[in-house]
Amino acid sequence: MNRRDFLTQASILTASSFLSLEVLAAKSKHKIAYSAITWNGNDLVAIGDIAALGFKGIQLRANTYAPFKDKPQDLKDTITKSGLQLAMFSSGNVSIQDDITKDIETHLNHAKFIKALGGKSLQITNNSRPKDRLPTTEELKKYAKNMSEVAKVVKGETGIQPAYHNHMNQLGETPEEVDIIFNEMNHKYILALLDVAHYTQGGGNAADAVLKYKDILYATHIKDTKVTDSKSGYQFVELGQGRVDFPAIFENLEKIKFKGWNIIELDSVPVKGRTALECGQTSKKYLESIKVNF
């Protein structure tokens, strides 16, 4: 090969390499939001901090409903002016009781509020886990049935998409329980919000779960967990500070071409004296360190 041919070939390879990097970067683009829960009810501060961190979405909780239910436009304007979208709204629990009239009313009211804020989805959880035994398959199926009935009304009347959030100390703690609930839900009305830290803490492989439930995956909670000597035996921490395998999770999210919101959530500040904003900065730096673009 003469010098001219060598330089030509090298130029082609260099251009190809840059193109591959550009394609990889495009594939790695994720919708990342951040939950306001860490700010412990100071949601207006949370909106400003989350926007300042550079995230594009926010998850709010049901505590915002009472002060803003009669003036949702005020809250919507604040969110919009900060350059954020309402990625998810924590709507509360659905019970396994026979009469779920109150549950339907609660979530329907929240859905109407979410719609006024410009949001598209709400999160459902559960607080009916037995304290002295494992839940039965029948209880798990009843929960899935009740959620589906609530979701049918919510989605039918408002268009808001309900999503079930797996959770420690609730129905849907272990991978086996989650699997029953996910499979028994009516996917026409309710989809999955996979919390990767709760799923890991419950004994599951969250990266595998992304692939397993790809057809019903609506959103994720991006959270980390570490083992401690506390009463619970674990603590939720900033991203990269625990044992959740985020590179594998994001690799599988890319593999399934996931387009939904990935919401960073930290229930509370894990170290006394640290601020919610500082926690957010730590998690953002970690995502950057593993080349997650958002």
C-alpha atoms as a PDB file:
ATOM      1  CA  MET A   1       0.000   0.000   0.000  1.00  0.00           C
ATOM      2  CA  ASN A   2       1.484   3.370  -1.036  1.00  0.00           C
ATOM      3  CA  ARG A   3       1.372   6.503   1.140  1.00  0.00           C
ATOM      4  CA  ARG A   4      -1.652   7.970  -0.664  1.00  0.00           C
ATOM      5  CA  ASP A   5      -3.693   4.757  -0.299  1.00  0.00           C
ATOM      6  CA  PHE A   6      -2.671   4.488   3.365  1.00  0.00           C
ATOM      7  CA  LEU A   7      -3.808   8.037   4.158  1.00  0.00           C
ATOM      8  CA  THR A   8      -7.069   7.495   2.303  1.00  0.00           C
ATOM      9  CA  GLN A   9      -7.741   4.279   4.228  1.00  0.00           C
ATOM     10  CA  ALA A  10      -6.848   5.965   7.531  1.00  0.00           C
ATOM     11  CA  SER A  11      -9.223   8.833   6.783  1.00  0.00           C
ATOM     12  CA  ILE A  12     -12.038   6.391   6.067  1.00  0.00           C
ATOM     13  CA  LEU A  13     -11.378   4.496   9.311  1.00  0.00           C
ATOM     14  CA  THR A  14     -11.216   7.744  11.321  1.00  0.00           C
ATOM     15  CA  ALA A  15     -14.499   8.981   9.845  1.00  0.00           C
ATOM     16  CA  SER A  16     -16.047   5.586  10.519  1.00  0.00           C
ATOM     17  CA  SER A  17     -14.871   5.704  14.139  1.00  0.00           C
ATOM     18  CA  PHE A  18     -16.378   9.156  14.662  1.00  0.00           C
ATOM     19  CA  LEU A  19     -19.612   7.966  13.089  1.00  0.00           C
ATOM     20  CA  SER A  20     -19.677   4.956  15.423  1.00  0.00           C
ATOM     21  CA  LEU A  21     -19.182   7.233  18.412  1.00  0.00           C
ATOM     22  CA  GLU A  22     -21.994   9.487  17.233  1.00  0.00           C
ATOM     23  CA  VAL A  23     -24.302   6.505  16.789  1.00  0.00           C
ATOM     24  CA  LEU A  24     -23.355   5.220  20.243  1.00  0.00           C
ATOM     25  CA  ALA A  25     -24.010   8.631  21.783  1.00  0.00           C
ATOM     26  CA  ALA A  26     -27.398   8.799  20.082  1.00  0.00           C
ATOM     27  CA  LYS A  27     -28.267   5.334  21.388  1.00  0.00           C
ATOM     28  CA  SER A  28     -27.237   6.376  24.898  1.00  0.00           C
ATOM     29  CA  LYS A  29     -29.664   9.293  25.088  1.00  0.00           C
ATOM     30  CA  HIS A  30     -32.116   8.702  27.935  1.00  0.00           C
ATOM     31  CA  LYS A  31     -35.027  10.641  29.384  1.00  0.00           C
ATOM     32  CA  ILE A  32     -33.910  11.288  32.961  1.00  0.00           C
ATOM     33  CA  ALA A  33     -36.161  12.928  35.540  1.00  0.00           C
ATOM     34  CA  TYR A  34     -35.725  13.469  39.274  1.00  0.00           C
ATOM     35  CA  SER A  35     -38.186  12.956  42.106  1.00  0.00           C
ATOM     36  CA  ALA A  36     -38.998  15.773  44.533  1.00  0.00           C
ATOM     37  CA  ILE A  37     -39.392  13.351  47.455  1.00  0.00           C
ATOM     38  CA  THR A  38     -35.864  14.079  48.750  1.00  0.00           C
ATOM     39  CA  TRP A  39     -36.844  17.705  49.454  1.00  0.00           C
ATOM     40  CA  ASN A  40     -39.337  16.501  52.088  1.00  0.00           C
ATOM     41  CA  GLY A  41     -42.334  18.531  50.921  1.00  0.00           C
ATOM     42  CA  ASN A  42     -40.469  21.654  49.785  1.00  0.00           C
ATOM     43  CA  ASP A  43     -41.576  21.073  46.220  1.00  0.00           C
ATOM     44  CA  LEU A  44     -41.079  24.585  44.888  1.00  0.00           C
ATOM     45  CA  VAL A  45     -37.457  24.458  46.036  1.00  0.00           C
ATOM     46  CA  ALA A  46     -37.180  20.998  44.489  1.00  0.00           C
ATOM     47  CA  ILE A  47     -38.415  22.300  41.141  1.00  0.00           C
ATOM     48  CA  GLY A  48     -35.719  24.973  41.084  1.00  0.00           C
ATOM     49  CA  ASP A  49     -32.947  22.619  42.198  1.00  0.00           C
ATOM     50  CA  ILE A  50     -33.873  19.831  39.791  1.00  0.00           C
ATOM     51  CA  ALA A  51     -33.986  22.292  36.902  1.00  0.00           C
ATOM     52  CA  ALA A  52     -30.605  23.702  37.955  1.00  0.00           C
ATOM     53  CA  LEU A  53     -29.134  20.184  37.908  1.00  0.00           C
ATOM     54  CA  GLY A  54     -30.071  19.945  34.241  1.00  0.00           C
ATOM     55  CA  PHE A  55     -32.768  17.286  34.404  1.00  0.00           C
ATOM     56  CA  LYS A  56     -35.786  17.679  32.134  1.00  0.00           C
ATOM     57  CA  GLY A  57     -38.489  16.025  34.201  1.00  0.00           C
ATOM     58  CA  ILE A  58     -39.769  15.894  37.773  1.00  0.00           C
ATOM     59  CA  GLN A  59     -41.877  13.521  39.817  1.00  0.00           C
ATOM     60  CA  LEU A  60     -44.210  15.152  42.321  1.00  0.00           C
ATOM     61  CA  ARG A  61     -46.204  13.501  45.108  1.00  0.00           C
ATOM     62  CA  ALA A  62     -49.774  13.644  46.299  1.00  0.00           C
ATOM     63  CA  ASN A  63     -48.820  16.251  48.929  1.00  0.00           C
ATOM     64  CA  THR A  64     -48.995  18.874  46.163  1.00  0.00           C
ATOM     65  CA  TYR A  65     -52.658  18.112  45.494  1.00  0.00           C
ATOM     66  CA  ALA A  66     -54.240  19.873  48.505  1.00  0.00           C
ATOM     67  CA  PRO A  67     -52.467  23.258  48.159  1.00  0.00           C
ATOM     68  CA  PHE A  68     -52.770  23.404  44.369  1.00  0.00           C
ATOM     69  CA  LYS A  69     -55.940  21.486  43.472  1.00  0.00           C
ATOM     70  CA  ASP A  70     -57.909  24.719  43.025  1.00  0.00           C
ATOM     71  CA  LYS A  71     -55.082  26.537  41.261  1.00  0.00           C
ATOM     72  CA  PRO A  72     -53.175  23.921  39.226  1.00  0.00           C
ATOM     73  CA  GLN A  73     -52.178  26.534  36.653  1.00  0.00           C
ATOM     74  CA  ASP A  74     -49.924  28.199  39.252  1.00  0.00           C
ATOM     75  CA  LEU A  75     -47.990  24.970  39.761  1.00  0.00           C
ATOM     76  CA  LYS A  76     -47.987  24.190  36.046  1.00  0.00           C
ATOM     77  CA  ASP A  77     -46.525  27.622  35.274  1.00  0.00           C
ATOM     78  CA  THR A  78     -43.766  27.087  37.839  1.00  0.00           C
ATOM     79  CA  ILE A  79     -42.882  23.699  36.375  1.00  0.00           C
ATOM     80  CA  THR A  80     -42.963  24.951  32.791  1.00  0.00           C
ATOM     81  CA  LYS A  81     -40.935  28.123  33.471  1.00  0.00           C
ATOM     82  CA  SER A  82     -38.264  25.918  35.026  1.00  0.00           C
ATOM     83  CA  GLY A  83     -37.994  23.951  31.792  1.00  0.00           C
ATOM     84  CA  LEU A  84     -39.327  20.763  33.354  1.00  0.00           C
ATOM     85  CA  GLN A  85     -42.056  18.283  32.482  1.00  0.00           C
ATOM     86  CA  LEU A  86     -44.161  16.372  34.981  1.00  0.00           C
ATOM     87  CA  ALA A  87     -42.720  12.913  34.354  1.00  0.00           C
ATOM     88  CA  MET A  88     -44.713  11.090  37.031  1.00  0.00           C
ATOM     89  CA  PHE A  89     -47.058  11.756  39.954  1.00  0.00           C
ATOM     90  CA  SER A  90     -47.114   9.602  43.096  1.00  0.00           C
ATOM     91  CA  SER A  91     -50.816   8.993  43.559  1.00  0.00           C
ATOM     92  CA  GLY A  92     -50.822   6.637  46.540  1.00  0.00           C
ATOM     93  CA  ASN A  93     -52.175   3.197  47.333  1.00  0.00           C
ATOM     94  CA  VAL A  94     -54.800   0.796  46.079  1.00  0.00           C
ATOM     95  CA  SER A  95     -56.101  -1.688  48.650  1.00  0.00           C
ATOM     96  CA  ILE A  96     -57.065  -5.347  48.366  1.00  0.00           C
ATOM     97  CA  GLN A  97     -60.478  -4.723  49.931  1.00  0.00           C
ATOM     98  CA  ASP A  98     -63.633  -5.616  48.035  1.00  0.00           C
ATOM     99  CA  ASP A  99     -64.878  -2.030  48.084  1.00  0.00           C
ATOM    100  CA  ILE A 100     -62.421   0.222  46.241  1.00  0.00           C
ATOM    101  CA  THR A 101     -64.807   3.108  45.673  1.00  0.00           C
ATOM    102  CA  LYS A 102     -62.642   5.456  47.730  1.00  0.00           C
ATOM    103  CA  ASP A 103     -59.493   4.366  45.889  1.00  0.00           C
ATOM    104  CA  ILE A 104     -61.116   5.091  42.537  1.00  0.00           C
ATOM    105  CA  GLU A 105     -62.215   8.527  43.732  1.00  0.00           C
ATOM    106  CA  THR A 106     -58.748   9.407  45.054  1.00  0.00           C
ATOM    107  CA  HIS A 107     -56.841   8.389  41.946  1.00  0.00           C
ATOM    108  CA  LEU A 108     -59.403   9.898  39.591  1.00  0.00           C
ATOM    109  CA  ASN A 109     -59.105  13.247  41.380  1.00  0.00           C
ATOM    110  CA  HIS A 110     -55.327  13.028  41.168  1.00  0.00           C
ATOM    111  CA  ALA A 111     -55.529  12.134  37.474  1.00  0.00           C
ATOM    112  CA  LYS A 112     -57.607  15.221  36.723  1.00  0.00           C
ATOM    113  CA  PHE A 113     -55.037  17.290  38.628  1.00  0.00           C
ATOM    114  CA  ILE A 114     -52.168  15.681  36.702  1.00  0.00           C
ATOM    115  CA  LYS A 115     -53.881  16.445  33.412  1.00  0.00           C
ATOM    116  CA  ALA A 116     -54.244  20.089  34.428  1.00  0.00           C
ATOM    117  CA  LEU A 117     -50.501  20.150  35.158  1.00  0.00           C
ATOM    118  CA  GLY A 118     -49.693  18.767  31.732  1.00  0.00           C
ATOM    119  CA  GLY A 119     -48.652  15.362  33.057  1.00  0.00           C
ATOM    120  CA  LYS A 120     -49.440  11.988  31.515  1.00  0.00           C
ATOM    121  CA  SER A 121     -49.044   9.357  34.221  1.00  0.00           C
ATOM    122  CA  LEU A 122     -49.516   8.415  37.855  1.00  0.00           C
ATOM    123  CA  GLN A 123     -47.856   5.916  40.141  1.00  0.00           C
ATOM    124  CA  ILE A 124     -49.770   3.385  42.246  1.00  0.00           C
ATOM    125  CA  THR A 125     -48.398   1.536  45.283  1.00  0.00           C
ATOM    126  CA  ASN A 126     -49.837  -0.598  48.100  1.00  0.00           C
ATOM    127  CA  ASN A 127     -49.693  -0.736  51.909  1.00  0.00           C
ATOM    128  CA  SER A 128     -51.515  -4.034  52.531  1.00  0.00           C
ATOM    129  CA  ARG A 129     -48.577  -6.401  53.065  1.00  0.00           C
ATOM    130  CA  PRO A 130     -49.193  -8.787  55.982  1.00  0.00           C
ATOM    131  CA  LYS A 131     -46.841  -8.156  58.925  1.00  0.00           C
ATOM    132  CA  ASP A 132     -46.488 -11.742  60.117  1.00  0.00           C
ATOM    133  CA  ARG A 133     -46.446 -13.801  56.922  1.00  0.00           C
ATOM    134  CA  LEU A 134     -45.883 -13.751  53.185  1.00  0.00           C
ATOM    135  CA  PRO A 135     -48.786 -12.598  51.014  1.00  0.00           C
ATOM    136  CA  THR A 136     -50.742 -15.326  49.294  1.00  0.00           C
ATOM    137  CA  THR A 137     -51.009 -15.674  45.537  1.00  0.00           C
ATOM    138  CA  GLU A 138     -54.700 -14.881  45.881  1.00  0.00           C
ATOM    139  CA  GLU A 139     -53.908 -11.573  47.640  1.00  0.00           C
ATOM    140  CA  LEU A 140     -51.416 -10.616  44.951  1.00  0.00           C
ATOM    141  CA  LYS A 141     -53.925 -11.419  42.222  1.00  0.00           C
ATOM    142  CA  LYS A 142     -56.628  -9.453  44.056  1.00  0.00           C
ATOM    143  CA  TYR A 143     -54.307  -6.470  44.227  1.00  0.00           C
ATOM    144  CA  ALA A 144     -53.608  -6.679  40.488  1.00  0.00           C
ATOM    145  CA  LYS A 145     -57.341  -6.920  39.830  1.00  0.00           C
ATOM    146  CA  ASN A 146     -58.153  -3.918  42.032  1.00  0.00           C
ATOM    147  CA  MET A 147     -55.405  -1.817  40.456  1.00  0.00           C
ATOM    148  CA  SER A 148     -56.695  -2.715  37.027  1.00  0.00           C
ATOM    149  CA  GLU A 149     -60.213  -1.626  37.959  1.00  0.00           C
ATOM    150  CA  VAL A 150     -58.943   1.690  39.310  1.00  0.00           C
ATOM    151  CA  ALA A 151     -56.744   2.164  36.242  1.00  0.00           C
ATOM    152  CA  LYS A 152     -59.641   1.420  33.882  1.00  0.00           C
ATOM    153  CA  VAL A 153     -61.619   4.317  35.333  1.00  0.00           C
ATOM    154  CA  VAL A 154     -58.638   6.664  35.538  1.00  0.00           C
ATOM    155  CA  LYS A 155     -57.427   6.045  32.000  1.00  0.00           C
ATOM    156  CA  GLY A 156     -60.914   5.882  30.550  1.00  0.00           C
ATOM    157  CA  GLU A 157     -62.036   9.213  32.004  1.00  0.00           C
ATOM    158  CA  THR A 158     -58.804  11.228  31.825  1.00  0.00           C
ATOM    159  CA  GLY A 159     -56.338   9.496  29.505  1.00  0.00           C
ATOM    160  CA  ILE A 160     -53.752   9.491  32.287  1.00  0.00           C
ATOM    161  CA  GLN A 161     -51.647   6.311  32.310  1.00  0.00           C
ATOM    162  CA  PRO A 162     -51.428   4.474  35.667  1.00  0.00           C
ATOM    163  CA  ALA A 163     -48.254   2.505  36.469  1.00  0.00           C
ATOM    164  CA  TYR A 164     -47.639   0.066  39.309  1.00  0.00           C
ATOM    165  CA  HIS A 165     -44.509   0.642  41.450  1.00  0.00           C
ATOM    166  CA  ASN A 166     -42.915  -2.449  43.047  1.00  0.00           C
ATOM    167  CA  HIS A 167     -41.900  -1.715  46.633  1.00  0.00           C
ATOM    168  CA  MET A 168     -40.237  -3.245  49.665  1.00  0.00           C
ATOM    169  CA  ASN A 169     -42.559  -3.900  52.637  1.00  0.00           C
ATOM    170  CA  GLN A 170     -45.573  -3.833  50.327  1.00  0.00           C
ATOM    171  CA  LEU A 171     -47.292  -6.306  48.046  1.00  0.00           C
ATOM    172  CA  GLY A 172     -44.725  -6.854  45.322  1.00  0.00           C
ATOM    173  CA  GLU A 173     -41.544  -7.055  47.378  1.00  0.00           C
ATOM    174  CA  THR A 174     -39.835 -10.130  45.923  1.00  0.00           C
ATOM    175  CA  PRO A 175     -39.306 -10.877  42.220  1.00  0.00           C
ATOM    176  CA  GLU A 176     -41.802 -13.729  42.504  1.00  0.00           C
ATOM    177  CA  GLU A 177     -44.482 -11.427  43.925  1.00  0.00           C
ATOM    178  CA  VAL A 178     -43.740  -8.742  41.340  1.00  0.00           C
ATOM    179  CA  ASP A 179     -44.037 -11.309  38.573  1.00  0.00           C
ATOM    180  CA  ILE A 180     -47.503 -12.387  39.698  1.00  0.00           C
ATOM    181  CA  ILE A 181     -48.718  -8.785  39.955  1.00  0.00           C
ATOM    182  CA  PHE A 182     -47.171  -7.695  36.648  1.00  0.00           C
ATOM    183  CA  ASN A 183     -48.669 -10.677  34.829  1.00  0.00           C
ATOM    184  CA  GLU A 184     -52.105 -10.390  36.436  1.00  0.00           C
ATOM    185  CA  MET A 185     -52.498  -6.651  35.746  1.00  0.00           C
ATOM    186  CA  ASN A 186     -54.705  -5.690  32.826  1.00  0.00           C
ATOM    187  CA  HIS A 187     -52.075  -4.147  30.561  1.00  0.00           C
ATOM    188  CA  LYS A 188     -54.693  -2.332  28.583  1.00  0.00           C
ATOM    189  CA  TYR A 189     -55.098  -0.012  31.562  1.00  0.00           C
ATOM    190  CA  ILE A 190     -52.037  -0.313  33.807  1.00  0.00           C
ATOM    191  CA  LEU A 191     -48.333  -0.736  33.045  1.00  0.00           C
ATOM    192  CA  ALA A 192     -45.128  -1.209  35.051  1.00  0.00           C
ATOM    193  CA  LEU A 193     -42.962   1.301  36.872  1.00  0.00           C
ATOM    194  CA  LEU A 194     -39.880  -0.764  37.706  1.00  0.00           C
ATOM    195  CA  ASP A 195     -37.991   0.500  40.755  1.00  0.00           C
ATOM    196  CA  VAL A 196     -34.530  -1.006  40.271  1.00  0.00           C
ATOM    197  CA  ALA A 197     -33.387  -0.557  43.881  1.00  0.00           C
ATOM    198  CA  HIS A 198     -36.507  -2.075  45.428  1.00  0.00           C
ATOM    199  CA  TYR A 199     -36.272  -4.932  42.921  1.00  0.00           C
ATOM    200  CA  THR A 200     -32.597  -5.482  43.767  1.00  0.00           C
ATOM    201  CA  GLN A 201     -33.247  -5.293  47.495  1.00  0.00           C
ATOM    202  CA  GLY A 202     -36.087  -7.779  47.110  1.00  0.00           C
ATOM    203  CA  GLY A 203     -33.643 -10.304  45.678  1.00  0.00           C
ATOM    204  CA  GLY A 204     -33.981  -9.696  41.946  1.00  0.00           C
ATOM    205  CA  ASN A 205     -31.730  -8.767  39.039  1.00  0.00           C
ATOM    206  CA  ALA A 206     -33.050  -5.419  37.817  1.00  0.00           C
ATOM    207  CA  ALA A 207     -31.189  -5.533  34.501  1.00  0.00           C
ATOM    208  CA  ASP A 208     -32.818  -8.877  33.705  1.00  0.00           C
ATOM    209  CA  ALA A 209     -36.191  -7.450  34.739  1.00  0.00           C
ATOM    210  CA  VAL A 210     -35.841  -4.685  32.141  1.00  0.00           C
ATOM    211  CA  LEU A 211     -35.674  -7.347  29.449  1.00  0.00           C
ATOM    212  CA  LYS A 212     -38.301  -9.604  30.997  1.00  0.00           C
ATOM    213  CA  TYR A 213     -40.934  -6.867  31.285  1.00  0.00           C
ATOM    214  CA  LYS A 214     -39.987  -4.801  28.246  1.00  0.00           C
ATOM    215  CA  ASP A 215     -43.470  -5.070  26.744  1.00  0.00           C
ATOM    216  CA  ILE A 216     -45.174  -3.459  29.761  1.00  0.00           C
ATOM    217  CA  LEU A 217     -42.376  -1.181  30.997  1.00  0.00           C
ATOM    218  CA  TYR A 218     -43.676   2.384  31.170  1.00  0.00           C
ATOM    219  CA  ALA A 219     -41.108   4.043  33.467  1.00  0.00           C
ATOM    220  CA  THR A 220     -38.288   3.244  35.858  1.00  0.00           C
ATOM    221  CA  HIS A 221     -37.147   4.510  39.222  1.00  0.00           C
ATOM    222  CA  ILE A 222     -33.388   4.845  39.154  1.00  0.00           C
ATOM    223  CA  LYS A 223     -32.329   4.381  42.753  1.00  0.00           C
ATOM    224  CA  ASP A 224     -29.421   2.750  44.611  1.00  0.00           C
ATOM    225  CA  THR A 225     -29.334   0.621  47.759  1.00  0.00           C
ATOM    226  CA  LYS A 226     -26.597  -0.567  50.093  1.00  0.00           C
ATOM    227  CA  VAL A 227     -26.424  -3.064  52.943  1.00  0.00           C
ATOM    228  CA  THR A 228     -26.238  -1.546  56.441  1.00  0.00           C
ATOM    229  CA  ASP A 229     -26.390  -2.695  60.047  1.00  0.00           C
ATOM    230  CA  SER A 230     -29.654  -0.797  60.557  1.00  0.00           C
ATOM    231  CA  LYS A 231     -32.884  -2.488  61.597  1.00  0.00           C
ATOM    232  CA  SER A 232     -34.026  -2.798  57.979  1.00  0.00           C
ATOM    233  CA  GLY A 233     -30.622  -4.013  56.849  1.00  0.00           C
ATOM    234  CA  TYR A 234     -30.407  -1.624  53.917  1.00  0.00           C
ATOM    235  CA  GLN A 235     -30.441   2.051  53.020  1.00  0.00           C
ATOM    236  CA  PHE A 236     -31.304   3.895  49.826  1.00  0.00           C
ATOM    237  CA  VAL A 237     -28.404   6.059  48.705  1.00  0.00           C
ATOM    238  CA  GLU A 238     -27.269   8.259  45.817  1.00  0.00           C
ATOM    239  CA  LEU A 239     -26.504   6.574  42.509  1.00  0.00           C
ATOM    240  CA  GLY A 240     -23.157   4.811  42.494  1.00  0.00           C
ATOM    241  CA  GLN A 241     -23.002   4.592  46.284  1.00  0.00           C
ATOM    242  CA  GLY A 242     -24.653   1.185  46.546  1.00  0.00           C
ATOM    243  CA  ARG A 243     -24.839  -2.162  44.787  1.00  0.00           C
ATOM    244  CA  VAL A 244     -27.297  -1.676  41.922  1.00  0.00           C
ATOM    245  CA  ASP A 245     -25.728  -2.535  38.550  1.00  0.00           C
ATOM    246  CA  PHE A 246     -26.620   0.599  36.591  1.00  0.00           C
ATOM    247  CA  PRO A 247     -24.344  -0.014  33.581  1.00  0.00           C
ATOM    248  CA  ALA A 248     -26.162  -3.304  32.946  1.00  0.00           C
ATOM    249  CA  ILE A 249     -29.552  -1.679  33.480  1.00  0.00           C
ATOM    250  CA  PHE A 250     -28.893   1.140  31.015  1.00  0.00           C
ATOM    251  CA  GLU A 251     -27.366  -1.286  28.533  1.00  0.00           C
ATOM    252  CA  ASN A 252     -30.606  -3.270  28.572  1.00  0.00           C
ATOM    253  CA  LEU A 253     -32.725  -0.125  28.385  1.00  0.00           C
ATOM    254  CA  GLU A 254     -30.823   0.712  25.208  1.00  0.00           C
ATOM    255  CA  LYS A 255     -31.244  -2.848  23.967  1.00  0.00           C
ATOM    256  CA  ILE A 256     -35.041  -2.621  24.187  1.00  0.00           C
ATOM    257  CA  LYS A 257     -34.963   0.951  22.822  1.00  0.00           C
ATOM    258  CA  PHE A 258     -36.789   2.242  25.905  1.00  0.00           C
ATOM    259  CA  LYS A 259     -38.267   5.711  25.363  1.00  0.00           C
ATOM    260  CA  GLY A 260     -39.963   6.332  28.720  1.00  0.00           C
ATOM    261  CA  TRP A 261     -38.854   8.320  31.740  1.00  0.00           C
ATOM    262  CA  ASN A 262     -36.104   7.065  34.028  1.00  0.00           C
ATOM    263  CA  ILE A 263     -36.725   8.861  37.305  1.00  0.00           C
ATOM    264  CA  ILE A 264     -33.947   9.222  39.870  1.00  0.00           C
ATOM    265  CA  GLU A 265     -35.493   8.800  43.305  1.00  0.00           C
ATOM    266  CA  LEU A 266     -33.955   9.071  46.758  1.00  0.00           C
ATOM    267  CA  ASP A 267     -36.493   8.783  49.573  1.00  0.00           C
ATOM    268  CA  SER A 268     -34.480  10.918  51.993  1.00  0.00           C
ATOM    269  CA  VAL A 269     -31.021  12.405  52.435  1.00  0.00           C
ATOM    270  CA  PRO A 270     -28.898   9.434  53.575  1.00  0.00           C
ATOM    271  CA  VAL A 271     -26.259  11.407  55.515  1.00  0.00           C
ATOM    272  CA  LYS A 272     -27.068  14.026  58.141  1.00  0.00           C
ATOM    273  CA  GLY A 273     -26.011  17.506  57.065  1.00  0.00           C
ATOM    274  CA  ARG A 274     -26.129  16.747  53.355  1.00  0.00           C
ATOM    275  CA  THR A 275     -28.683  18.605  51.241  1.00  0.00           C
ATOM    276  CA  ALA A 276     -31.090  17.213  48.665  1.00  0.00           C
ATOM    277  CA  LEU A 277     -29.302  19.287  46.011  1.00  0.00           C
ATOM    278  CA  GLU A 278     -25.939  17.782  46.949  1.00  0.00           C
ATOM    279  CA  CYS A 279     -27.446  14.301  46.660  1.00  0.00           C
ATOM    280  CA  GLY A 280     -28.678  15.213  43.197  1.00  0.00           C
ATOM    281  CA  GLN A 281     -25.229  16.439  42.195  1.00  0.00           C
ATOM    282  CA  THR A 282     -23.687  13.141  43.319  1.00  0.00           C
ATOM    283  CA  SER A 283     -26.177  11.101  41.291  1.00  0.00           C
ATOM    284  CA  LYS A 284     -25.733  13.297  38.228  1.00  0.00           C
ATOM    285  CA  LYS A 285     -21.940  12.940  38.376  1.00  0.00           C
ATOM    286  CA  TYR A 286     -22.315   9.184  38.607  1.00  0.00           C
ATOM    287  CA  LEU A 287     -24.522   9.018  35.510  1.00  0.00           C
ATOM    288  CA  GLU A 288     -21.963  11.110  33.674  1.00  0.00           C
ATOM    289  CA  SER A 289     -19.171   8.803  34.838  1.00  0.00           C
ATOM    290  CA  ILE A 290     -20.880   5.767  33.261  1.00  0.00           C
ATOM    291  CA  LYS A 291     -21.597   7.734  30.070  1.00  0.00           C
ATOM    292  CA  VAL A 292     -25.366   7.999  30.436  1.00  0.00           C
ATOM    293  CA  ASN A 293     -26.422  10.951  28.296  1.00  0.00           C
ATOM    294  CA  PHE A 294     -29.645  12.825  28.999  1.00  0.00           C
END
